[in-house]
Protein backbone atom coordinates (compact mmCIF):
# COMPACT_ATOMS: atom_id res chain seq x y z
CA TYR A 1 9.47 -3.32 -23.49
CA GLY A 2 12.37 -0.87 -23.31
CA LYS A 3 14.52 -1.72 -20.30
CA PHE A 4 12.48 -4.86 -19.71
CA VAL A 5 13.90 -6.56 -22.83
CA GLY A 6 15.14 -10.03 -21.99
CA LEU A 7 12.91 -10.41 -18.91
CA ASP A 8 10.02 -12.87 -18.65
CA LYS A 9 6.94 -11.24 -20.19
CA ASP A 10 4.68 -13.28 -17.88
CA ILE A 11 6.34 -11.53 -14.96
CA ILE A 12 6.03 -8.09 -16.58
CA MET A 13 2.33 -8.41 -17.57
CA ASP A 14 2.32 -4.71 -18.51
CA LYS A 15 4.76 -2.41 -20.28
CA HIS A 16 4.94 -0.28 -17.15
CA ILE A 17 5.32 -0.79 -13.45
CA ASN A 18 1.89 0.46 -12.39
CA VAL A 19 1.73 2.03 -8.93
CA VAL A 20 -1.51 3.36 -7.42
CA LEU A 21 -1.67 5.84 -4.54
CA ALA A 22 -4.71 7.48 -2.96
CA SER A 23 -4.86 10.81 -1.15
CA ASP A 24 -6.86 13.83 -0.16
CA ASP A 25 -5.44 17.36 -0.22
CA ASN A 26 -4.02 17.07 3.32
CA TYR A 27 -1.78 14.13 2.36
CA ALA A 28 -0.74 15.38 -1.09
CA GLN A 29 2.81 16.22 0.04
CA HIS A 30 3.27 12.63 1.20
CA VAL A 31 2.31 11.34 -2.26
CA ALA A 32 5.30 13.24 -3.63
CA VAL A 33 7.58 11.81 -0.93
CA VAL A 34 6.51 8.23 -1.66
CA THR A 35 7.07 8.67 -5.40
CA VAL A 36 10.55 10.11 -4.83
CA SER A 37 11.46 7.22 -2.51
CA ILE A 38 10.48 4.86 -5.33
CA LEU A 39 12.16 6.77 -8.14
CA LYS A 40 15.47 7.33 -6.38
CA ASN A 41 15.80 3.62 -5.60
CA THR A 42 14.92 2.06 -8.95
CA LYS A 43 16.76 1.37 -12.19
CA PHE A 44 13.43 1.59 -14.03
CA ALA A 45 12.28 5.16 -13.30
CA ASP A 46 11.18 5.78 -16.88
CA GLN A 47 9.00 2.64 -16.75
CA LEU A 48 7.06 3.81 -13.69
CA HIS A 49 3.43 4.76 -14.25
CA PHE A 50 1.76 6.31 -11.21
CA PHE A 51 -2.00 6.63 -10.81
CA VAL A 52 -3.13 8.93 -7.99
CA LEU A 53 -6.72 8.50 -6.81
CA SER A 54 -7.53 12.03 -5.76
CA ASP A 55 -10.02 13.22 -3.19
CA ASP A 56 -10.07 16.88 -4.17
CA ILE A 57 -6.32 17.48 -4.28
CA SER A 58 -5.80 21.14 -5.24
CA ASP A 59 -4.49 22.08 -8.68
CA LYS A 60 -1.47 23.72 -7.04
CA LYS A 61 -0.45 20.52 -5.26
CA ILE A 62 -1.13 18.38 -8.32
CA LYS A 63 1.32 20.55 -10.26
CA LEU A 64 3.96 20.12 -7.55
CA ILE A 65 3.57 16.34 -7.54
CA LYS A 66 3.67 16.17 -11.34
CA LYS A 67 6.77 18.35 -11.49
CA THR A 68 8.47 16.12 -8.90
CA VAL A 69 7.72 12.88 -10.76
CA GLU A 70 8.42 14.14 -14.27
CA LYS A 71 11.97 15.13 -13.28
CA PHE A 72 12.67 11.39 -13.22
CA ASN A 73 11.02 10.82 -16.63
CA ALA A 74 8.26 8.80 -15.00
CA LYS A 75 4.58 9.06 -15.88
CA ILE A 76 1.79 10.16 -13.54
CA GLU A 77 -1.98 10.49 -13.89
CA PHE A 78 -4.56 11.83 -11.46
CA ILE A 79 -8.00 10.25 -11.24
CA ASP A 80 -10.53 12.44 -9.45
CA ILE A 81 -12.98 10.31 -7.46
CA GLY A 82 -15.74 12.88 -7.03
CA HIS A 83 -17.77 13.94 -4.00
CA ASP A 84 -20.67 11.57 -4.66
CA LYS A 85 -18.63 8.41 -3.97
CA LEU A 86 -18.49 6.71 -0.56
CA LYS A 87 -20.63 9.31 1.19
CA ASN A 88 -21.78 7.01 3.98
CA ILE A 89 -18.61 4.99 4.54
CA TYR A 90 -17.52 4.44 8.15
CA LEU A 91 -14.57 6.62 9.20
CA SER A 92 -12.77 6.98 12.52
CA GLY A 93 -9.41 8.07 13.91
CA HIS A 94 -6.87 9.03 11.24
CA VAL A 95 -8.62 7.07 8.45
CA SER A 96 -9.96 9.25 5.62
CA ARG A 97 -12.34 8.54 2.74
CA ALA A 98 -9.32 8.12 0.45
CA ALA A 99 -8.36 4.93 2.30
CA TYR A 100 -11.29 3.18 0.63
CA PHE A 101 -10.38 4.27 -2.90
CA ARG A 102 -8.10 1.25 -3.35
CA LEU A 103 -11.26 -0.87 -3.46
CA MET A 104 -12.31 0.82 -6.72
CA ILE A 105 -8.97 0.43 -8.50
CA ALA A 106 -10.12 -2.17 -11.03
CA ASP A 107 -12.86 0.18 -12.28
CA LEU A 108 -10.67 3.29 -12.33
CA VAL A 109 -7.43 2.31 -14.07
CA PRO A 110 -7.36 1.80 -17.87
CA GLU A 111 -8.65 -1.54 -19.20
CA ASP A 112 -5.23 -2.58 -20.49
CA VAL A 113 -3.78 -2.49 -16.94
CA LYS A 114 -3.66 -6.07 -15.67
CA LYS A 115 -1.61 -5.69 -12.51
CA ILE A 116 -0.88 -2.90 -10.07
CA ILE A 117 1.02 -2.22 -6.88
CA TYR A 118 -1.06 -0.27 -4.37
CA LEU A 119 0.80 1.74 -1.71
CA ASP A 120 -0.39 3.82 1.23
CA VAL A 121 1.17 7.28 1.38
CA ASP A 122 2.60 6.97 4.89
CA LEU A 123 5.50 4.80 3.82
CA LEU A 124 8.93 4.91 2.17
CA VAL A 125 10.26 2.49 -0.45
CA CYS A 126 13.89 1.61 0.27
CA GLU A 127 14.57 -0.95 -2.49
CA ASP A 128 13.98 -1.18 -6.23
CA ILE A 129 10.19 -1.37 -6.69
CA PHE A 130 10.78 -3.77 -9.60
CA ASN A 131 11.72 -6.44 -7.06
CA LEU A 132 8.19 -6.17 -5.67
CA TRP A 133 6.61 -5.89 -9.12
CA LYS A 134 8.21 -9.12 -10.36
CA ILE A 135 6.75 -11.22 -7.52
CA ASP A 136 4.38 -13.70 -9.16
CA ILE A 137 1.17 -13.97 -7.12
CA CYS A 138 -0.07 -16.64 -9.54
CA LYS A 139 -3.87 -16.54 -9.93
CA PHE A 140 -4.48 -15.09 -6.49
CA PRO A 141 -6.48 -11.82 -6.59
CA VAL A 142 -4.16 -10.06 -4.16
CA GLY A 143 -0.70 -10.32 -2.64
CA ALA A 144 -0.05 -8.80 0.79
CA VAL A 145 2.12 -8.93 3.91
CA LEU A 146 1.12 -10.43 7.25
CA ASP A 147 0.21 -7.80 9.85
CA TYR A 148 2.52 -8.71 12.74
CA GLY A 149 0.98 -6.01 14.92
CA ILE A 150 -2.31 -7.91 14.87
CA ILE A 151 -1.35 -11.57 14.56
CA THR A 152 1.10 -11.44 17.50
CA SER A 153 -1.61 -10.05 19.79
CA SER A 154 -4.01 -12.61 21.30
CA ARG A 155 -6.52 -9.81 21.96
CA MET A 156 -6.48 -8.68 18.33
CA ARG A 157 -6.70 -12.25 17.00
CA LYS A 158 -9.82 -12.77 19.10
CA GLU A 159 -11.25 -9.51 17.77
CA LYS A 160 -10.69 -10.58 14.15
CA LYS A 161 -12.37 -13.93 14.76
CA ALA A 162 -15.36 -12.14 16.29
CA VAL A 163 -15.62 -9.29 13.77
CA ILE A 164 -14.85 -10.95 10.43
CA GLY A 165 -14.97 -14.65 11.33
CA ILE A 166 -11.41 -15.26 10.21
CA THR A 167 -10.71 -19.00 10.31
CA ASP A 168 -6.95 -18.69 10.84
CA SER A 169 -6.16 -15.64 12.97
CA TYR A 170 -2.48 -15.94 12.04
CA ARG A 171 -3.38 -15.22 8.39
CA TYR A 172 -4.40 -11.57 8.58
CA PHE A 173 -2.71 -9.08 6.26
CA ASN A 174 -1.96 -5.37 6.30
CA SER A 175 -3.58 -3.45 3.42
CA GLY A 176 -0.94 -0.73 3.07
CA VAL A 177 1.08 -2.62 0.44
CA LEU A 178 -0.80 -4.75 -2.07
CA ILE A 179 -0.11 -6.42 -5.39
CA ILE A 180 -3.47 -6.55 -7.14
CA ASN A 181 -4.42 -8.89 -9.95
CA VAL A 182 -6.71 -6.40 -11.69
CA GLU A 183 -8.11 -8.97 -14.12
CA GLU A 184 -9.30 -11.20 -11.28
CA TRP A 185 -10.86 -8.21 -9.51
CA ARG A 186 -12.77 -7.26 -12.64
CA ILE A 187 -13.97 -10.78 -13.42
CA ASN A 188 -15.19 -11.44 -9.86
CA GLY A 189 -16.30 -7.93 -8.87
CA TYR A 190 -14.10 -8.09 -5.78
CA GLY A 191 -13.93 -4.33 -5.23
CA GLN A 192 -17.70 -4.02 -4.90
CA LYS A 193 -17.86 -7.08 -2.62
CA VAL A 194 -15.31 -5.54 -0.26
CA LEU A 195 -17.08 -2.17 -0.35
CA ASP A 196 -20.46 -3.76 0.35
CA PHE A 197 -19.08 -5.52 3.41
CA ALA A 198 -17.29 -2.37 4.61
CA GLN A 199 -20.45 -0.28 4.26
CA LYS A 200 -22.69 -2.60 6.23
CA GLU A 201 -20.34 -2.97 9.19
CA GLN A 202 -18.48 -0.51 11.46
CA LEU A 203 -15.18 -2.36 11.24
CA PRO A 204 -12.35 -1.55 13.70
CA HIS A 205 -9.74 -1.66 10.91
CA HIS A 206 -12.06 -0.32 8.24
CA ASP A 207 -11.29 -1.46 4.67
CA GLN A 208 -8.43 -3.66 5.91
CA ASP A 209 -10.89 -5.82 7.84
CA ALA A 210 -13.19 -5.93 4.80
CA LEU A 211 -10.34 -7.00 2.50
CA ASN A 212 -9.35 -9.76 4.92
CA LYS A 213 -12.96 -10.95 5.06
CA ILE A 214 -13.47 -11.17 1.30
CA PHE A 215 -10.01 -12.63 0.55
CA MET A 216 -9.91 -14.99 3.53
CA ASN A 217 -7.71 -17.96 2.52
CA ASN A 218 -7.46 -16.50 -1.01
CA TRP A 219 -4.39 -14.28 -1.00
CA TYR A 220 -0.67 -14.60 -1.66
CA GLU A 221 1.80 -13.90 1.14
CA ILE A 222 4.55 -11.39 0.22
CA PRO A 223 7.77 -11.39 2.31
CA LEU A 224 7.55 -9.32 5.49
CA ARG A 225 10.32 -6.90 4.46
CA TRP A 226 7.94 -5.37 1.89
CA ASN A 227 5.75 -3.87 4.60
CA VAL A 228 7.71 -3.21 7.79
CA ILE A 229 5.29 -1.59 10.23
CA PRO A 230 6.29 -0.08 13.63
CA PRO A 231 5.79 -3.27 15.70
CA VAL A 232 8.35 -4.95 13.42
CA PHE A 233 10.70 -1.99 12.99
CA TYR A 234 10.88 -1.48 16.76
CA LEU A 235 10.66 -5.20 17.55
CA PHE A 236 7.86 -4.96 20.11
CA SER A 237 8.13 -7.47 22.95
CA LYS A 238 5.05 -9.36 21.76
CA ILE A 239 7.04 -10.16 18.58
CA LEU A 240 10.42 -10.83 20.20
CA LEU A 241 8.81 -13.23 22.67
CA ASN A 242 6.96 -15.11 19.94
CA SER A 243 9.18 -17.87 18.54
CA LYS A 244 6.83 -18.30 15.56
CA PHE A 245 7.47 -14.80 14.21
CA ARG A 246 10.64 -13.46 15.89
CA ASN A 247 13.23 -14.51 13.30
CA ALA A 248 11.28 -13.19 10.31
CA ALA A 249 10.78 -9.86 12.09
CA VAL A 250 14.48 -9.50 12.95
CA CYS A 251 15.44 -10.21 9.32
CA ALA A 252 12.85 -7.78 7.94
CA LYS A 253 14.01 -5.01 10.27
CA ALA A 254 17.62 -5.58 9.18
CA VAL A 255 16.87 -5.05 5.47
CA PRO A 256 13.47 -3.35 5.10
CA ALA A 257 12.29 -2.89 1.52
CA ILE A 258 9.35 -0.70 2.59
CA VAL A 259 9.09 1.14 5.92
CA HIS A 260 5.42 1.76 6.66
CA TYR A 261 4.50 4.33 9.34
CA ALA A 262 1.17 2.62 10.01
CA GLY A 263 -0.79 3.83 13.01
CA ARG A 264 -1.00 7.09 14.87
CA TYR A 265 2.56 8.47 14.73
CA LYS A 266 3.71 9.91 11.38
CA PRO A 267 7.24 11.17 10.60
CA TRP A 268 6.07 14.59 9.38
CA GLU A 269 4.56 15.30 12.83
CA PHE A 270 8.02 15.27 14.43
CA PRO A 271 11.35 17.04 13.92
CA LYS A 272 14.02 15.28 11.90
CA TYR A 273 15.85 12.63 13.89
CA SER A 274 17.79 9.51 13.01
CA GLY A 275 16.01 6.19 12.83
CA PHE A 276 12.48 7.56 12.52
CA SER A 277 11.85 10.70 10.47
CA ASP A 278 15.23 11.47 8.89
CA LYS A 279 14.62 9.52 5.67
CA TYR A 280 11.20 11.10 5.23
CA TYR A 281 12.77 14.59 5.31
CA LEU A 282 15.55 13.48 2.98
CA TYR A 283 13.06 12.40 0.32
CA LEU A 284 10.91 15.48 0.98
CA SER A 285 13.91 17.66 0.13
CA ASN A 286 13.92 16.04 -3.33
CA THR A 287 10.31 17.01 -4.05
CA ASP A 288 8.92 20.36 -5.19
CA PHE A 289 7.06 20.87 -1.90
């Protein structure tokens, strides 16, 4: 187990820390930025194994991403999804076909992979990824973080009850950071179940709604600091005025482990300025893009 010697093998589960990202050609640069944010903040860079689910990423950009990652002695593989997959999936706004690729992870990664961390590519990892990897989600199929943007909004809670029939509207998670129990997904065919639901409905939050439907009351809650979205980072009034969630949000903002630029505004769309886009440009400068 290399650097993992002396650690609990039940926590490790695999020889590597397996991280899955998904992207089309337009977001390829951001894949490199996410990987650098991980690699510069971990003691286990040479244990990282990245899998990139590719929607036609160009050979040129694949080479740049590989060159970036291999400088840290980490491993990276690209898995091309193909044009025939997810042809009729519902898309809207900034959501691309690649957003749904996470649902096929269990069928795409090698059979010996038992556990993975899935990350969106509009985020930055600010703490050692091993601290996320070692979280034990027990036998749950997925670990995730509560979506404070949705659960602190009475309008959105009503929407989720109406659209996916969620029984506890305060138990709705964000799909941008997931720990996936790959074995459980394979045994129960969860990926296909989520896809089937997503394909038959035009869901407001796309695959995220479908994931919350299929895993309703069957998921492990990861601490909020592992997926700090804008409503938490900027402490929106709907959070600050909610005594149920205020303290957790303040603590997560103080020491974010992952900053997730979920929603419309992305750091690369703006000039570099402190507190929003500066860290993105810092990590970008360490890539080959």
